[in-house]
Amino acid sequence: MTAKRDRPFGRFNFLVDLGTGETAGPDAGFQECSAIGTEVEIVEYRNGNDAENNVQKITGLNKATDVTMRRGVIGSASLYAWLDQVRDGDEAALRTVRITLQSEDHSTTVQTAVLKNARAVRYVTGPFDGRSSEVALEELTIAYERLELEDLT
């Protein structure tokens, strides 16, 4: 369990499990993970014969934002293979992805975001430049249906 503290945790120590159970090794290592979010839509409704001139706020559908992760090209085709599995309509391509924020010394789990019914929807690699000394990157975008935060208490 994580103890609450006055100073927020840094965002630079995180683990990614792409639904395989692995969080160690190069296939699970990512340089960057975009914001993870969800929102509930509000639908406004009013009967024409209501006595008050205001709308009712009704809870609508839940929407989850896509998550994009980037890592250096490591010679593994696992990200593309997952997208290919989704493209082929394989039902096993739906996964539960976990993104875990850790404390600075990696000893404590601070927060775990669980992305339910996640699937790879976009894979990008490059650009490449013969004059650059930057690392070649690949990028994976994941769409998911529901966000849950694991209880740490």
N, C-alpha and C. Protein backbone atom coordinates (compact mmCIF):
# COMPACT_ATOMS: atom_id res chain seq x y z
N MET A 1 0.84 -1.17 0.00
CA MET A 1 0.00 0.00 0.00
C MET A 1 0.88 1.24 0.00
N THR A 2 0.49 2.25 -0.74
CA THR A 2 1.23 3.49 -0.82
C THR A 2 0.74 4.45 0.25
N ALA A 3 1.69 5.03 0.97
CA ALA A 3 1.32 6.05 1.95
C ALA A 3 1.14 7.38 1.24
N LYS A 4 0.12 8.13 1.65
CA LYS A 4 -0.08 9.46 1.08
C LYS A 4 1.07 10.34 1.52
N ARG A 5 1.43 11.29 0.67
CA ARG A 5 2.50 12.21 1.02
C ARG A 5 2.21 13.58 0.45
N ASP A 6 2.89 14.58 0.95
CA ASP A 6 2.66 15.96 0.53
C ASP A 6 3.23 16.25 -0.85
N ARG A 7 4.32 15.61 -1.19
CA ARG A 7 4.99 15.85 -2.47
C ARG A 7 4.51 14.82 -3.51
N PRO A 8 4.03 15.28 -4.67
CA PRO A 8 3.56 14.33 -5.69
C PRO A 8 4.70 13.44 -6.21
N PHE A 9 4.33 12.29 -6.70
CA PHE A 9 5.29 11.36 -7.28
C PHE A 9 5.70 11.83 -8.67
N GLY A 10 6.92 11.49 -9.06
CA GLY A 10 7.38 11.77 -10.42
C GLY A 10 6.68 10.85 -11.41
N ARG A 11 6.66 11.26 -12.66
CA ARG A 11 5.96 10.46 -13.67
C ARG A 11 6.91 9.64 -14.54
N PHE A 12 8.15 9.49 -14.10
CA PHE A 12 9.16 8.86 -14.95
C PHE A 12 9.45 7.40 -14.64
N ASN A 13 8.82 6.81 -13.63
CA ASN A 13 9.00 5.40 -13.33
C ASN A 13 7.68 4.67 -13.52
N PHE A 14 7.54 3.98 -14.63
CA PHE A 14 6.28 3.28 -14.89
C PHE A 14 6.55 1.95 -15.58
N LEU A 15 5.64 1.04 -15.34
CA LEU A 15 5.69 -0.29 -15.96
C LEU A 15 4.49 -0.45 -16.86
N VAL A 16 4.68 -1.15 -17.97
CA VAL A 16 3.59 -1.42 -18.90
C VAL A 16 3.47 -2.93 -19.09
N ASP A 17 2.27 -3.44 -18.86
CA ASP A 17 1.95 -4.84 -19.16
C ASP A 17 0.91 -4.80 -20.28
N LEU A 18 1.30 -5.20 -21.48
CA LEU A 18 0.41 -5.16 -22.64
C LEU A 18 -0.54 -6.35 -22.69
N GLY A 19 -0.85 -6.90 -21.53
CA GLY A 19 -1.78 -8.03 -21.47
C GLY A 19 -1.09 -9.36 -21.57
N THR A 20 0.24 -9.35 -21.51
CA THR A 20 1.01 -10.59 -21.60
C THR A 20 1.53 -11.05 -20.24
N GLY A 21 1.41 -10.19 -19.23
CA GLY A 21 1.95 -10.50 -17.91
C GLY A 21 3.39 -10.08 -17.73
N GLU A 22 4.00 -9.56 -18.77
CA GLU A 22 5.42 -9.16 -18.72
C GLU A 22 5.55 -7.66 -18.50
N THR A 23 6.38 -7.28 -17.52
CA THR A 23 6.71 -5.87 -17.32
C THR A 23 8.22 -5.65 -17.32
N ALA A 24 8.97 -6.71 -17.54
CA ALA A 24 10.42 -6.61 -17.59
C ALA A 24 10.91 -6.92 -19.00
N GLY A 25 12.10 -6.49 -19.31
CA GLY A 25 12.68 -6.77 -20.61
C GLY A 25 12.35 -5.71 -21.64
N PRO A 26 13.03 -5.75 -22.76
CA PRO A 26 12.88 -4.70 -23.77
C PRO A 26 11.49 -4.61 -24.38
N ASP A 27 10.77 -5.70 -24.53
CA ASP A 27 9.44 -5.65 -25.13
C ASP A 27 8.45 -4.86 -24.28
N ALA A 28 8.69 -4.77 -22.98
CA ALA A 28 7.77 -4.07 -22.08
C ALA A 28 8.25 -2.67 -21.73
N GLY A 29 9.41 -2.27 -22.25
CA GLY A 29 9.98 -0.97 -21.91
C GLY A 29 9.53 0.12 -22.86
N PHE A 30 8.98 1.19 -22.32
CA PHE A 30 8.52 2.31 -23.13
C PHE A 30 9.13 3.59 -22.60
N GLN A 31 9.46 4.49 -23.50
CA GLN A 31 10.00 5.80 -23.15
C GLN A 31 8.89 6.73 -22.69
N GLU A 32 7.73 6.60 -23.30
CA GLU A 32 6.67 7.56 -23.06
C GLU A 32 5.31 6.89 -23.15
N CYS A 33 4.39 7.37 -22.32
CA CYS A 33 3.00 6.92 -22.35
C CYS A 33 2.14 8.17 -22.24
N SER A 34 1.23 8.36 -23.19
CA SER A 34 0.38 9.55 -23.18
C SER A 34 -0.60 9.50 -22.02
N ALA A 35 -1.36 10.57 -21.87
CA ALA A 35 -2.34 10.66 -20.79
C ALA A 35 -3.38 9.55 -20.91
N ILE A 36 -3.83 9.07 -19.76
CA ILE A 36 -4.82 8.01 -19.67
C ILE A 36 -6.08 8.64 -19.09
N GLY A 37 -7.21 8.47 -19.76
CA GLY A 37 -8.38 9.15 -19.23
C GLY A 37 -9.69 8.53 -19.63
N THR A 38 -10.72 8.97 -18.94
CA THR A 38 -12.09 8.54 -19.23
C THR A 38 -13.02 9.68 -18.86
N GLU A 39 -14.16 9.72 -19.49
CA GLU A 39 -15.15 10.73 -19.14
C GLU A 39 -16.54 10.17 -19.36
N VAL A 40 -17.48 10.71 -18.61
CA VAL A 40 -18.88 10.33 -18.75
C VAL A 40 -19.60 11.50 -19.41
N GLU A 41 -20.25 11.22 -20.52
CA GLU A 41 -21.00 12.26 -21.21
C GLU A 41 -22.24 12.64 -20.40
N ILE A 42 -22.62 13.87 -20.54
CA ILE A 42 -23.87 14.34 -19.94
C ILE A 42 -24.80 14.71 -21.09
N VAL A 43 -26.03 14.21 -21.02
CA VAL A 43 -27.04 14.49 -22.03
C VAL A 43 -28.02 15.48 -21.43
N GLU A 44 -28.27 16.55 -22.15
CA GLU A 44 -29.24 17.54 -21.67
C GLU A 44 -30.61 17.25 -22.28
N TYR A 45 -31.62 17.29 -21.41
CA TYR A 45 -32.98 16.95 -21.84
C TYR A 45 -33.97 17.87 -21.14
N ARG A 46 -34.98 18.26 -21.86
CA ARG A 46 -36.05 19.06 -21.25
C ARG A 46 -37.36 18.74 -21.95
N ASN A 47 -38.40 18.44 -21.19
CA ASN A 47 -39.75 18.31 -21.73
C ASN A 47 -40.26 19.70 -22.09
N GLY A 48 -40.97 19.80 -23.19
CA GLY A 48 -41.49 21.09 -23.61
C GLY A 48 -42.50 21.68 -22.65
N ASN A 49 -43.12 20.85 -21.83
CA ASN A 49 -44.13 21.36 -20.90
C ASN A 49 -43.62 21.48 -19.47
N ASP A 50 -42.29 21.41 -19.27
CA ASP A 50 -41.74 21.58 -17.92
C ASP A 50 -42.05 22.97 -17.39
N ALA A 51 -42.33 23.04 -16.11
CA ALA A 51 -42.66 24.32 -15.48
C ALA A 51 -41.42 25.22 -15.35
N GLU A 52 -40.24 24.62 -15.24
CA GLU A 52 -39.01 25.40 -15.10
C GLU A 52 -38.30 25.48 -16.45
N ASN A 53 -37.63 26.61 -16.68
CA ASN A 53 -36.92 26.80 -17.95
C ASN A 53 -35.45 26.38 -17.82
N ASN A 54 -35.23 25.16 -17.45
CA ASN A 54 -33.86 24.62 -17.40
C ASN A 54 -33.89 23.16 -17.85
N VAL A 55 -32.72 22.70 -18.28
CA VAL A 55 -32.61 21.32 -18.76
C VAL A 55 -32.26 20.39 -17.60
N GLN A 56 -32.57 19.13 -17.78
CA GLN A 56 -32.13 18.09 -16.86
C GLN A 56 -30.80 17.56 -17.37
N LYS A 57 -29.92 17.24 -16.47
CA LYS A 57 -28.63 16.63 -16.83
C LYS A 57 -28.75 15.14 -16.58
N ILE A 58 -28.63 14.35 -17.65
CA ILE A 58 -28.78 12.90 -17.56
C ILE A 58 -27.43 12.26 -17.89
N THR A 59 -27.05 11.28 -17.10
CA THR A 59 -25.79 10.58 -17.33
C THR A 59 -25.87 9.82 -18.65
N GLY A 60 -24.84 10.02 -19.49
CA GLY A 60 -24.78 9.37 -20.79
C GLY A 60 -23.74 8.26 -20.82
N LEU A 61 -23.12 8.10 -21.96
CA LEU A 61 -22.15 7.03 -22.17
C LEU A 61 -20.78 7.38 -21.62
N ASN A 62 -20.05 6.36 -21.27
CA ASN A 62 -18.66 6.48 -20.84
C ASN A 62 -17.76 6.42 -22.06
N LYS A 63 -16.78 7.31 -22.13
CA LYS A 63 -15.79 7.30 -23.21
C LYS A 63 -14.40 7.24 -22.62
N ALA A 64 -13.53 6.45 -23.21
CA ALA A 64 -12.14 6.36 -22.78
C ALA A 64 -11.25 6.93 -23.88
N THR A 65 -10.22 7.67 -23.48
CA THR A 65 -9.30 8.25 -24.45
C THR A 65 -8.30 7.19 -24.92
N ASP A 66 -7.85 7.30 -26.15
CA ASP A 66 -6.80 6.40 -26.64
C ASP A 66 -5.49 6.72 -25.95
N VAL A 67 -4.65 5.71 -25.78
CA VAL A 67 -3.33 5.87 -25.16
C VAL A 67 -2.27 5.56 -26.20
N THR A 68 -1.27 6.43 -26.29
CA THR A 68 -0.17 6.23 -27.23
C THR A 68 1.12 6.03 -26.45
N MET A 69 1.86 4.98 -26.83
CA MET A 69 3.14 4.69 -26.18
C MET A 69 4.25 4.67 -27.23
N ARG A 70 5.42 5.16 -26.82
CA ARG A 70 6.58 5.20 -27.71
C ARG A 70 7.75 4.48 -27.05
N ARG A 71 8.52 3.82 -27.90
CA ARG A 71 9.75 3.17 -27.43
C ARG A 71 10.74 3.14 -28.57
N GLY A 72 11.99 2.89 -28.22
CA GLY A 72 13.02 2.74 -29.24
C GLY A 72 12.79 1.45 -30.02
N VAL A 73 13.14 1.49 -31.30
CA VAL A 73 13.06 0.28 -32.12
C VAL A 73 14.08 -0.71 -31.59
N ILE A 74 13.63 -1.90 -31.22
CA ILE A 74 14.51 -2.89 -30.59
C ILE A 74 14.63 -4.17 -31.41
N GLY A 75 14.05 -4.19 -32.60
CA GLY A 75 14.12 -5.38 -33.43
C GLY A 75 13.05 -6.40 -33.11
N SER A 76 12.05 -6.03 -32.34
CA SER A 76 10.93 -6.91 -32.00
C SER A 76 9.72 -6.48 -32.81
N ALA A 77 8.97 -7.45 -33.29
CA ALA A 77 7.76 -7.15 -34.06
C ALA A 77 6.49 -7.34 -33.22
N SER A 78 6.62 -7.38 -31.89
CA SER A 78 5.47 -7.70 -31.04
C SER A 78 4.35 -6.66 -31.12
N LEU A 79 4.69 -5.38 -31.24
CA LEU A 79 3.64 -4.35 -31.32
C LEU A 79 2.88 -4.47 -32.63
N TYR A 80 3.62 -4.63 -33.72
CA TYR A 80 2.96 -4.79 -35.02
C TYR A 80 2.14 -6.08 -35.06
N ALA A 81 2.67 -7.14 -34.45
CA ALA A 81 1.95 -8.42 -34.45
C ALA A 81 0.60 -8.30 -33.73
N TRP A 82 0.56 -7.51 -32.67
CA TRP A 82 -0.70 -7.30 -31.96
C TRP A 82 -1.70 -6.55 -32.84
N LEU A 83 -1.24 -5.51 -33.52
CA LEU A 83 -2.10 -4.78 -34.45
C LEU A 83 -2.59 -5.70 -35.56
N ASP A 84 -1.72 -6.53 -36.07
CA ASP A 84 -2.09 -7.47 -37.13
C ASP A 84 -3.15 -8.45 -36.64
N GLN A 85 -3.03 -8.88 -35.40
CA GLN A 85 -4.02 -9.78 -34.79
C GLN A 85 -5.39 -9.09 -34.71
N VAL A 86 -5.39 -7.81 -34.33
CA VAL A 86 -6.64 -7.04 -34.26
C VAL A 86 -7.23 -6.89 -35.66
N ARG A 87 -6.38 -6.57 -36.62
CA ARG A 87 -6.83 -6.36 -38.00
C ARG A 87 -7.44 -7.62 -38.59
N ASP A 88 -6.94 -8.77 -38.19
CA ASP A 88 -7.46 -10.04 -38.69
C ASP A 88 -8.75 -10.48 -37.99
N GLY A 89 -9.19 -9.70 -36.99
CA GLY A 89 -10.44 -10.01 -36.30
C GLY A 89 -10.33 -11.09 -35.24
N ASP A 90 -9.13 -11.38 -34.80
CA ASP A 90 -8.92 -12.40 -33.78
C ASP A 90 -9.46 -11.89 -32.43
N GLU A 91 -10.42 -12.59 -31.84
CA GLU A 91 -11.01 -12.15 -30.59
C GLU A 91 -10.02 -12.19 -29.43
N ALA A 92 -8.97 -12.99 -29.55
CA ALA A 92 -7.94 -13.04 -28.51
C ALA A 92 -7.10 -11.77 -28.50
N ALA A 93 -7.29 -10.90 -29.50
CA ALA A 93 -6.52 -9.65 -29.56
C ALA A 93 -6.98 -8.65 -28.51
N LEU A 94 -8.18 -8.82 -27.94
CA LEU A 94 -8.62 -7.94 -26.86
C LEU A 94 -7.87 -8.32 -25.59
N ARG A 95 -7.26 -7.32 -24.97
CA ARG A 95 -6.41 -7.58 -23.81
C ARG A 95 -6.78 -6.64 -22.66
N THR A 96 -6.27 -6.99 -21.50
CA THR A 96 -6.31 -6.10 -20.35
C THR A 96 -4.91 -5.56 -20.15
N VAL A 97 -4.73 -4.27 -20.39
CA VAL A 97 -3.42 -3.62 -20.30
C VAL A 97 -3.34 -2.91 -18.96
N ARG A 98 -2.18 -3.04 -18.30
CA ARG A 98 -1.94 -2.38 -17.02
C ARG A 98 -0.75 -1.44 -17.14
N ILE A 99 -0.96 -0.20 -16.70
CA ILE A 99 0.12 0.79 -16.67
C ILE A 99 0.27 1.21 -15.22
N THR A 100 1.43 0.92 -14.65
CA THR A 100 1.66 1.10 -13.22
C THR A 100 2.69 2.17 -12.97
N LEU A 101 2.32 3.18 -12.21
CA LEU A 101 3.25 4.21 -11.76
C LEU A 101 3.92 3.73 -10.49
N GLN A 102 5.25 3.90 -10.43
CA GLN A 102 6.01 3.45 -9.27
C GLN A 102 6.62 4.63 -8.53
N SER A 103 6.99 4.39 -7.28
CA SER A 103 7.70 5.41 -6.51
C SER A 103 9.11 5.58 -7.09
N GLU A 104 9.79 6.62 -6.65
CA GLU A 104 11.12 6.94 -7.21
C GLU A 104 12.12 5.81 -7.04
N ASP A 105 12.03 5.06 -5.96
CA ASP A 105 12.98 3.95 -5.74
C ASP A 105 12.45 2.61 -6.25
N HIS A 106 11.35 2.62 -6.99
CA HIS A 106 10.75 1.43 -7.61
C HIS A 106 10.26 0.40 -6.59
N SER A 107 10.13 0.79 -5.34
CA SER A 107 9.75 -0.18 -4.30
C SER A 107 8.24 -0.25 -4.07
N THR A 108 7.50 0.77 -4.53
CA THR A 108 6.09 0.86 -4.21
C THR A 108 5.28 1.18 -5.46
N THR A 109 4.14 0.52 -5.57
CA THR A 109 3.18 0.86 -6.62
C THR A 109 2.37 2.04 -6.13
N VAL A 110 2.34 3.10 -6.93
CA VAL A 110 1.61 4.31 -6.58
C VAL A 110 0.19 4.25 -7.14
N GLN A 111 0.09 3.85 -8.40
CA GLN A 111 -1.21 3.82 -9.06
C GLN A 111 -1.13 2.84 -10.24
N THR A 112 -2.18 2.07 -10.44
CA THR A 112 -2.24 1.19 -11.60
C THR A 112 -3.52 1.47 -12.38
N ALA A 113 -3.34 1.87 -13.63
CA ALA A 113 -4.46 2.09 -14.54
C ALA A 113 -4.68 0.79 -15.31
N VAL A 114 -5.91 0.30 -15.29
CA VAL A 114 -6.26 -0.94 -15.98
C VAL A 114 -7.13 -0.58 -17.17
N LEU A 115 -6.66 -0.90 -18.37
CA LEU A 115 -7.39 -0.60 -19.60
C LEU A 115 -8.08 -1.89 -20.04
N LYS A 116 -9.39 -1.91 -19.93
CA LYS A 116 -10.18 -3.12 -20.22
C LYS A 116 -10.55 -3.18 -21.70
N ASN A 117 -10.54 -4.38 -22.26
CA ASN A 117 -10.85 -4.63 -23.68
C ASN A 117 -10.03 -3.73 -24.58
N ALA A 118 -8.73 -3.74 -24.34
CA ALA A 118 -7.81 -2.91 -25.10
C ALA A 118 -7.39 -3.61 -26.38
N ARG A 119 -7.18 -2.81 -27.41
CA ARG A 119 -6.70 -3.34 -28.69
C ARG A 119 -5.78 -2.32 -29.34
N ALA A 120 -4.79 -2.82 -30.05
CA ALA A 120 -3.89 -1.95 -30.81
C ALA A 120 -4.65 -1.42 -32.02
N VAL A 121 -4.59 -0.11 -32.24
CA VAL A 121 -5.32 0.48 -33.36
C VAL A 121 -4.43 1.27 -34.31
N ARG A 122 -3.18 1.52 -33.91
CA ARG A 122 -2.29 2.29 -34.78
C ARG A 122 -0.84 1.96 -34.43
N TYR A 123 -0.06 1.71 -35.46
CA TYR A 123 1.37 1.46 -35.29
C TYR A 123 2.13 2.36 -36.26
N VAL A 124 3.14 3.06 -35.75
CA VAL A 124 3.94 3.96 -36.58
C VAL A 124 5.41 3.76 -36.23
N THR A 125 6.26 3.78 -37.23
CA THR A 125 7.70 3.78 -37.00
C THR A 125 8.32 4.87 -37.87
N GLY A 126 9.52 5.32 -37.49
CA GLY A 126 10.16 6.41 -38.21
C GLY A 126 9.74 7.74 -37.63
N PRO A 127 10.10 8.83 -38.27
CA PRO A 127 10.87 8.94 -39.50
C PRO A 127 12.34 8.61 -39.26
N PHE A 128 13.00 8.34 -40.34
CA PHE A 128 14.43 8.04 -40.28
C PHE A 128 15.19 9.18 -40.96
N ASP A 129 16.39 9.46 -40.47
CA ASP A 129 17.17 10.58 -40.99
C ASP A 129 18.64 10.21 -40.89
N GLY A 130 19.31 10.15 -42.02
CA GLY A 130 20.71 9.79 -42.07
C GLY A 130 21.64 10.81 -41.41
N ARG A 131 21.14 12.01 -41.12
CA ARG A 131 21.97 13.05 -40.50
C ARG A 131 21.73 13.18 -39.00
N SER A 132 20.88 12.35 -38.45
CA SER A 132 20.50 12.48 -37.05
C SER A 132 21.14 11.40 -36.20
N SER A 133 21.39 11.73 -34.95
CA SER A 133 21.91 10.73 -34.02
C SER A 133 20.85 10.33 -32.99
N GLU A 134 19.58 10.72 -33.24
CA GLU A 134 18.50 10.36 -32.34
C GLU A 134 18.15 8.88 -32.48
N VAL A 135 17.50 8.36 -31.46
CA VAL A 135 17.06 6.96 -31.45
C VAL A 135 15.85 6.79 -32.36
N ALA A 136 15.84 5.71 -33.13
CA ALA A 136 14.67 5.38 -33.96
C ALA A 136 13.56 4.91 -33.04
N LEU A 137 12.35 5.46 -33.23
CA LEU A 137 11.22 5.15 -32.36
C LEU A 137 10.11 4.43 -33.10
N GLU A 138 9.34 3.66 -32.34
CA GLU A 138 8.10 3.10 -32.84
C GLU A 138 7.01 3.50 -31.86
N GLU A 139 5.80 3.61 -32.38
CA GLU A 139 4.68 4.16 -31.59
C GLU A 139 3.47 3.25 -31.75
N LEU A 140 2.80 2.99 -30.64
CA LEU A 140 1.61 2.16 -30.63
C LEU A 140 0.48 2.93 -29.97
N THR A 141 -0.68 2.97 -30.62
CA THR A 141 -1.86 3.59 -30.03
C THR A 141 -2.84 2.48 -29.67
N ILE A 142 -3.35 2.56 -28.45
CA ILE A 142 -4.26 1.56 -27.91
C ILE A 142 -5.61 2.21 -27.64
N ALA A 143 -6.67 1.59 -28.13
CA ALA A 143 -8.04 2.00 -27.80
C ALA A 143 -8.57 0.98 -26.80
N TYR A 144 -9.34 1.46 -25.84
CA TYR A 144 -9.89 0.56 -24.83
C TYR A 144 -11.30 1.03 -24.46
N GLU A 145 -12.05 0.15 -23.85
CA GLU A 145 -13.46 0.44 -23.57
C GLU A 145 -13.71 1.00 -22.19
N ARG A 146 -12.89 0.63 -21.23
CA ARG A 146 -13.16 1.06 -19.84
C ARG A 146 -11.85 1.22 -19.08
N LEU A 147 -11.77 2.29 -18.31
CA LEU A 147 -10.62 2.54 -17.44
C LEU A 147 -11.01 2.23 -16.00
N GLU A 148 -10.15 1.48 -15.31
CA GLU A 148 -10.33 1.26 -13.89
C GLU A 148 -8.99 1.51 -13.21
N LEU A 149 -9.04 2.09 -12.01
CA LEU A 149 -7.84 2.24 -11.20
C LEU A 149 -7.89 1.17 -10.13
N GLU A 150 -6.80 0.39 -10.02
CA GLU A 150 -6.78 -0.66 -9.00
C GLU A 150 -6.69 -0.04 -7.62
N ASP A 151 -7.44 -0.60 -6.71
CA ASP A 151 -7.48 -0.11 -5.33
C ASP A 151 -6.18 -0.46 -4.62
N LEU A 152 -5.55 0.54 -4.04
CA LEU A 152 -4.27 0.32 -3.35
C LEU A 152 -4.44 0.27 -1.85
N THR A 153 -5.65 0.35 -1.37
CA THR A 153 -5.84 0.37 0.08
C THR A 153 -5.94 -1.03 0.65
